[in-house]
Structure formats: C-alpha cells, structure tokens
C-alpha cells in the first residue's frame, strides 16, 4: 500500500488537498493508497520517528517551524527515495526545494489536474525505483531498512541485529524464533543461512576461506563445521549465477 502524508497548517487547504488525493485514489484502486493529513510539521516528524515514514509527502513550504523545507531535509536524512512535492504560493521556492531533491512543486491554490499529474509522476517514479524495504521495530521507533543495505543479520536470545553498509546497525527486540524474524530475507536468494543465528547477504561476501565468510567493509563469520559443505555449495552457486567470478 502506498502511504501519503499531506502537511499544511491551513486546515481548509489541507482538507482540500486530502480530498483530491482521495478522489485520485478512487480512480486508481489498484495502487492501494493510504492518506494521512498533518496540520503541523512537528506532528508529522513525530509520526515518522514513532511509526515510520511515508512513500509520498506533500508539504506546504510556509508553515510555523519546522517549515516544509526543514521537514524535507529531515526526511532525506533517512529516506533518499521518498517522493517529496512542495505546495507553494510562489515558484520562487522551487529553487530551494531542489536542495532536498524534491520531485516537484504545486502552486496554490492547488488544482485537481495539476495534483493528479504530479501523483501520476510519483507513481511512475516509485514503480521504477522503489527499493525493497524491511520494517524493523526497535525500542525507539519503527525503522525502514533497505534490504540491499543489509550485510548480515545476527540473532541472540532477545534481539536481532541488522548490520548494514557504512558501519550502521539496527537492533530489534526478537519476538519468537529467529526464522520468523528474518522470514522476508530467507525468501530472498541473496541471503544465506549460516548456522542457527546468522544470515548473510552474499553480495557482501568477499571470500570463503578456512571455515569463514570474509565480508566486504570488514568482518568475518564462522561457518559451523557441519554446514561448511552446504554453505560453500550455496555460495558458489550464487556466484556463478550472478557472474561475480569474472
């Protein structure tokens, strides 16, 4: 389901845009839209921190702090792929909006045709570029983790830690077996089960030597003796299939 956030401190304009998006959604039932309005930037940022973000944001530029540009900058820190569209009274703000890689802007009062065209472009962009994401519930917030960024996953009695590229880690409280926590990754051909509590993204494996998987960006993982044959076979099959041995 595509999740859209609309943020505008003017309640009438907020309602008008929200209603137009609802009308667009009725014309595109296959896309499965969910629309949530916010009357303040602070409320939107609190929602993102506590419950996760959205795929599409329509943000008024001029609002009490944080304004639309500040909100866009905050969104971009964690989500490089979200579609951000600014609502503005003047095209002059379009120049500033590109600082957060905005997908476009709509002049107020927002017209139905212009909004629908912008949503068409947003759907096309997301369909072509949307990365696979994993939702991870940590103690502080709900995090969206790009699956391609996961180097390996380690499970303990009480937590599951996702070790990401660029030396980042996201840790979630484990509820139930390790297999249940990482089920979406077990169905992905890139990931290899190594022992009872490790899952490795083979795209990050640099080499397999002497019972260890050596990882790009550092680190190594011990392969249990009884699984070394199976792990070696799976890894070589993956390498040959991907053509990574060239």
Protein backbone atom coordinates (compact mmCIF):
# COMPACT_ATOMS: atom_id res chain seq x y z
CA UNK A 1 0.00 0.00 0.00
CA UNK A 2 1.27 3.47 -0.93
CA UNK A 3 1.27 5.81 2.06
CA UNK A 4 0.89 9.55 1.50
CA UNK A 5 1.37 12.34 4.05
CA UNK A 6 -0.07 15.82 3.48
CA UNK A 7 1.17 18.61 5.75
CA UNK A 8 -0.29 22.14 5.72
CA UNK A 9 -1.04 24.43 8.65
CA UNK A 10 -4.09 25.89 6.87
CA UNK A 11 -6.87 23.44 7.64
CA UNK A 12 -9.04 24.35 4.64
CA UNK A 13 -6.20 23.83 2.17
CA UNK A 14 -5.15 20.66 3.99
CA UNK A 15 -8.65 19.23 3.68
CA UNK A 16 -8.96 20.22 0.03
CA UNK A 17 -5.73 18.51 -0.98
CA UNK A 18 -6.54 15.44 1.11
CA UNK A 19 -9.96 15.15 -0.52
CA UNK A 20 -8.46 15.47 -4.01
CA UNK A 21 -5.96 12.70 -3.23
CA UNK A 22 -8.85 10.53 -2.03
CA UNK A 23 -10.57 11.16 -5.37
CA UNK A 24 -7.40 10.20 -7.22
CA UNK A 25 -7.15 7.04 -5.13
CA UNK A 26 -10.68 6.05 -6.14
CA UNK A 27 -9.60 6.30 -9.78
CA UNK A 28 -6.56 4.08 -9.08
CA UNK A 29 -7.81 1.32 -6.76
CA UNK A 30 -5.00 -0.98 -7.91
CA UNK A 31 -2.41 1.24 -6.17
CA UNK A 32 -3.94 0.95 -2.69
CA UNK A 33 -3.48 4.48 -1.31
CA UNK A 34 -3.49 5.46 2.36
CA UNK A 35 -3.62 9.23 3.03
CA UNK A 36 -2.86 10.91 6.35
CA UNK A 37 -3.17 14.70 6.92
CA UNK A 38 -0.99 16.69 9.34
CA UNK A 39 -1.59 20.30 10.37
CA UNK A 40 1.91 20.82 11.77
CA UNK A 41 5.37 19.79 10.72
CA UNK A 42 6.17 18.73 14.27
CA UNK A 43 3.28 16.25 14.29
CA UNK A 44 4.49 14.78 11.01
CA UNK A 45 8.07 14.37 12.25
CA UNK A 46 6.85 12.78 15.49
CA UNK A 47 4.80 10.30 13.46
CA UNK A 48 7.81 9.42 11.31
CA UNK A 49 10.00 8.87 14.38
CA UNK A 50 7.48 6.72 16.23
CA UNK A 51 5.59 4.89 13.49
CA UNK A 52 7.67 5.12 10.33
CA UNK A 53 7.61 7.23 7.20
CA UNK A 54 5.61 7.55 4.00
CA UNK A 55 6.36 6.96 0.34
CA UNK A 56 4.93 10.32 -0.81
CA UNK A 57 4.93 13.67 1.01
CA UNK A 58 3.03 16.81 0.02
CA UNK A 59 4.44 19.61 2.15
CA UNK A 60 3.43 23.25 2.46
CA UNK A 61 6.54 25.41 2.24
CA UNK A 62 5.43 28.23 4.55
CA UNK A 63 4.47 26.91 7.98
CA UNK A 64 5.44 27.66 11.57
CA UNK A 65 8.74 25.92 12.35
CA UNK A 66 9.59 23.41 11.17
CA UNK A 67 8.60 24.63 7.72
CA UNK A 68 8.29 22.43 4.65
CA UNK A 69 11.93 22.78 3.63
CA UNK A 70 13.15 21.76 7.11
CA UNK A 71 10.80 18.78 7.11
CA UNK A 72 12.04 17.72 3.68
CA UNK A 73 15.66 17.90 4.87
CA UNK A 74 14.81 15.74 7.90
CA UNK A 75 13.05 13.17 5.70
CA UNK A 76 16.01 12.99 3.32
CA UNK A 77 18.42 12.04 6.13
CA UNK A 78 16.72 8.65 6.48
CA UNK A 79 14.90 8.18 3.19
CA UNK A 80 16.62 9.07 -0.10
CA UNK A 81 13.81 7.57 -2.18
CA UNK A 82 10.63 9.18 -0.87
CA UNK A 83 8.74 11.44 -3.26
CA UNK A 84 8.55 15.00 -1.88
CA UNK A 85 6.22 17.53 -3.52
CA UNK A 86 6.04 21.09 -2.23
CA UNK A 87 2.89 23.22 -2.05
CA UNK A 88 3.82 26.86 -2.52
CA UNK A 89 2.37 30.27 -3.24
CA UNK A 90 5.29 31.23 -5.47
CA UNK A 91 7.52 29.36 -7.97
CA UNK A 92 10.47 31.14 -6.34
CA UNK A 93 10.53 28.43 -3.68
CA UNK A 94 11.11 25.77 -6.32
CA UNK A 95 14.83 26.61 -6.36
CA UNK A 96 15.14 25.96 -2.64
CA UNK A 97 13.07 22.79 -2.87
CA UNK A 98 15.65 21.13 -5.09
CA UNK A 99 18.05 21.21 -2.16
CA UNK A 100 16.18 18.23 -0.76
CA UNK A 101 15.73 16.63 -4.20
CA UNK A 102 12.05 17.47 -4.41
CA UNK A 103 10.14 15.76 -7.18
CA UNK A 104 8.19 18.93 -7.94
CA UNK A 105 6.00 21.69 -6.62
CA UNK A 106 2.37 22.73 -6.93
CA UNK A 107 1.26 26.33 -6.90
CA UNK A 108 -1.55 27.25 -4.52
CA UNK A 109 -4.46 27.07 -4.80
CA UNK A 110 -3.74 23.52 -5.85
CA UNK A 111 -5.77 22.43 -8.87
CA UNK A 112 -7.06 18.91 -9.37
CA UNK A 113 -5.44 18.45 -12.80
CA UNK A 114 -2.03 19.60 -11.59
CA UNK A 115 -2.20 17.43 -8.47
CA UNK A 116 -3.30 14.37 -10.44
CA UNK A 117 -0.44 14.87 -12.93
CA UNK A 118 2.03 15.13 -10.04
CA UNK A 119 0.67 11.93 -8.50
CA UNK A 120 0.94 10.18 -11.87
CA UNK A 121 4.64 11.10 -11.98
CA UNK A 122 5.10 9.97 -8.38
CA UNK A 123 3.60 6.56 -9.13
CA UNK A 124 5.82 6.16 -12.18
CA UNK A 125 8.89 7.08 -10.13
CA UNK A 126 8.07 4.71 -7.29
CA UNK A 127 7.22 1.86 -9.65
CA UNK A 128 10.60 2.17 -11.31
CA UNK A 129 12.80 2.96 -8.31
CA UNK A 130 11.11 1.68 -5.17
CA UNK A 131 13.67 -0.32 -3.19
CA UNK A 132 12.74 -3.39 -1.21
CA UNK A 133 12.37 -2.39 2.41
CA UNK A 134 12.20 -4.28 5.69
CA UNK A 135 10.24 -2.90 8.63
CA UNK A 136 12.18 -3.25 11.89
CA UNK A 137 10.64 -2.41 15.29
CA UNK A 138 13.34 -1.09 17.62
CA UNK A 139 12.91 0.18 21.17
CA UNK A 140 12.79 3.79 19.99
CA UNK A 141 10.96 3.69 16.67
CA UNK A 142 9.84 1.80 13.61
CA UNK A 143 12.70 1.80 11.10
CA UNK A 144 12.56 1.10 7.39
CA UNK A 145 15.72 -0.74 6.35
CA UNK A 146 16.70 -1.07 2.72
CA UNK A 147 17.22 -4.79 2.17
CA UNK A 148 20.12 -4.21 -0.22
CA UNK A 149 21.97 -2.39 2.61
CA UNK A 150 21.90 -5.41 4.95
CA UNK A 151 25.32 -7.09 5.14
CA UNK A 152 24.36 -9.73 7.69
CA UNK A 153 21.90 -10.42 10.49
CA UNK A 154 22.72 -11.84 13.91
CA UNK A 155 20.16 -13.27 16.32
CA UNK A 156 20.60 -13.64 20.07
CA UNK A 157 18.20 -14.78 22.78
CA UNK A 158 16.49 -11.40 22.96
CA UNK A 159 17.46 -9.32 19.92
CA UNK A 160 18.01 -9.39 16.18
CA UNK A 161 20.75 -7.06 14.92
CA UNK A 162 20.88 -5.92 11.30
CA UNK A 163 24.42 -4.93 10.31
CA UNK A 164 24.21 -2.52 7.40
CA UNK A 165 26.61 -0.96 4.94
CA UNK A 166 28.60 2.10 6.01
CA UNK A 167 29.02 0.73 9.54
CA UNK A 168 25.38 1.11 10.60
CA UNK A 169 23.43 -1.21 12.88
CA UNK A 170 19.71 -1.51 13.66
CA UNK A 171 18.71 -3.73 16.58
CA UNK A 172 15.22 -5.05 17.20
CA UNK A 173 13.71 -6.96 20.10
CA UNK A 174 13.20 -10.55 18.96
CA UNK A 175 9.69 -11.93 19.23
CA UNK A 176 9.61 -15.63 18.51
CA UNK A 177 12.14 -17.77 16.61
CA UNK A 178 14.96 -16.24 14.57
CA UNK A 179 13.42 -17.77 11.42
CA UNK A 180 10.23 -15.78 11.94
CA UNK A 181 12.10 -12.51 12.47
CA UNK A 182 14.04 -12.85 9.22
CA UNK A 183 11.40 -14.64 7.13
CA UNK A 184 11.34 -11.99 4.34
CA UNK A 185 15.12 -12.35 3.96
CA UNK A 186 15.06 -16.16 3.92
CA UNK A 187 12.89 -15.92 0.82
CA UNK A 188 15.47 -13.68 -0.89
CA UNK A 189 18.11 -15.52 -2.95
CA UNK A 190 20.79 -13.05 -1.85
CA UNK A 191 20.67 -14.25 1.76
CA UNK A 192 22.35 -17.39 3.04
CA UNK A 193 21.63 -19.01 6.40
CA UNK A 194 24.90 -19.61 8.24
CA UNK A 195 24.35 -21.55 11.45
CA UNK A 196 21.34 -21.05 13.69
CA UNK A 197 21.67 -17.33 14.29
CA UNK A 198 23.38 -15.76 11.27
CA UNK A 199 22.04 -14.72 7.89
CA UNK A 200 24.47 -13.26 5.34
CA UNK A 201 23.88 -11.20 2.22
CA UNK A 202 26.13 -12.95 -0.28
CA UNK A 203 26.60 -9.76 -2.27
CA UNK A 204 28.76 -8.57 0.65
CA UNK A 205 30.88 -11.73 0.86
CA UNK A 206 34.43 -11.10 -0.33
CA UNK A 207 35.70 -14.65 0.06
CA UNK A 208 35.16 -18.02 1.71
CA UNK A 209 38.31 -19.33 3.38
CA UNK A 210 39.19 -21.80 6.13
CA UNK A 211 35.69 -22.05 7.54
CA UNK A 212 34.95 -18.31 7.48
CA UNK A 213 32.98 -15.94 5.30
CA UNK A 214 35.03 -12.75 4.93
CA UNK A 215 32.87 -9.69 4.34
CA UNK A 216 33.38 -6.56 2.34
CA UNK A 217 33.58 -3.50 4.58
CA UNK A 218 35.21 -5.71 7.21
CA UNK A 219 34.35 -8.60 9.49
CA UNK A 220 34.13 -12.36 9.20
CA UNK A 221 31.59 -15.00 10.18
CA UNK A 222 32.43 -18.51 11.33
CA UNK A 223 30.70 -21.29 9.40
CA UNK A 224 29.73 -24.21 11.67
CA UNK A 225 31.68 -27.31 10.71
CA UNK A 226 28.61 -29.37 9.86
CA UNK A 227 27.31 -26.69 7.49
CA UNK A 228 30.51 -25.83 5.63
CA UNK A 229 29.79 -28.05 2.64
CA UNK A 230 26.27 -26.72 2.22
CA UNK A 231 27.34 -23.08 2.66
CA UNK A 232 30.18 -23.48 0.16
CA UNK A 233 27.86 -25.08 -2.39
CA UNK A 234 25.19 -22.37 -2.00
CA UNK A 235 27.74 -19.58 -2.22
CA UNK A 236 29.43 -20.95 -5.35
CA UNK A 237 26.04 -21.48 -6.98
CA UNK A 238 25.13 -17.87 -6.25
CA UNK A 239 28.45 -16.54 -7.55
CA UNK A 240 28.17 -18.49 -10.80
CA UNK A 241 24.56 -17.46 -11.29
CA UNK A 242 25.37 -13.81 -10.77
CA UNK A 243 28.52 -13.91 -12.84
CA UNK A 244 30.52 -12.47 -9.97
CA UNK A 245 33.51 -14.70 -10.70
CA UNK A 246 34.50 -12.70 -13.77
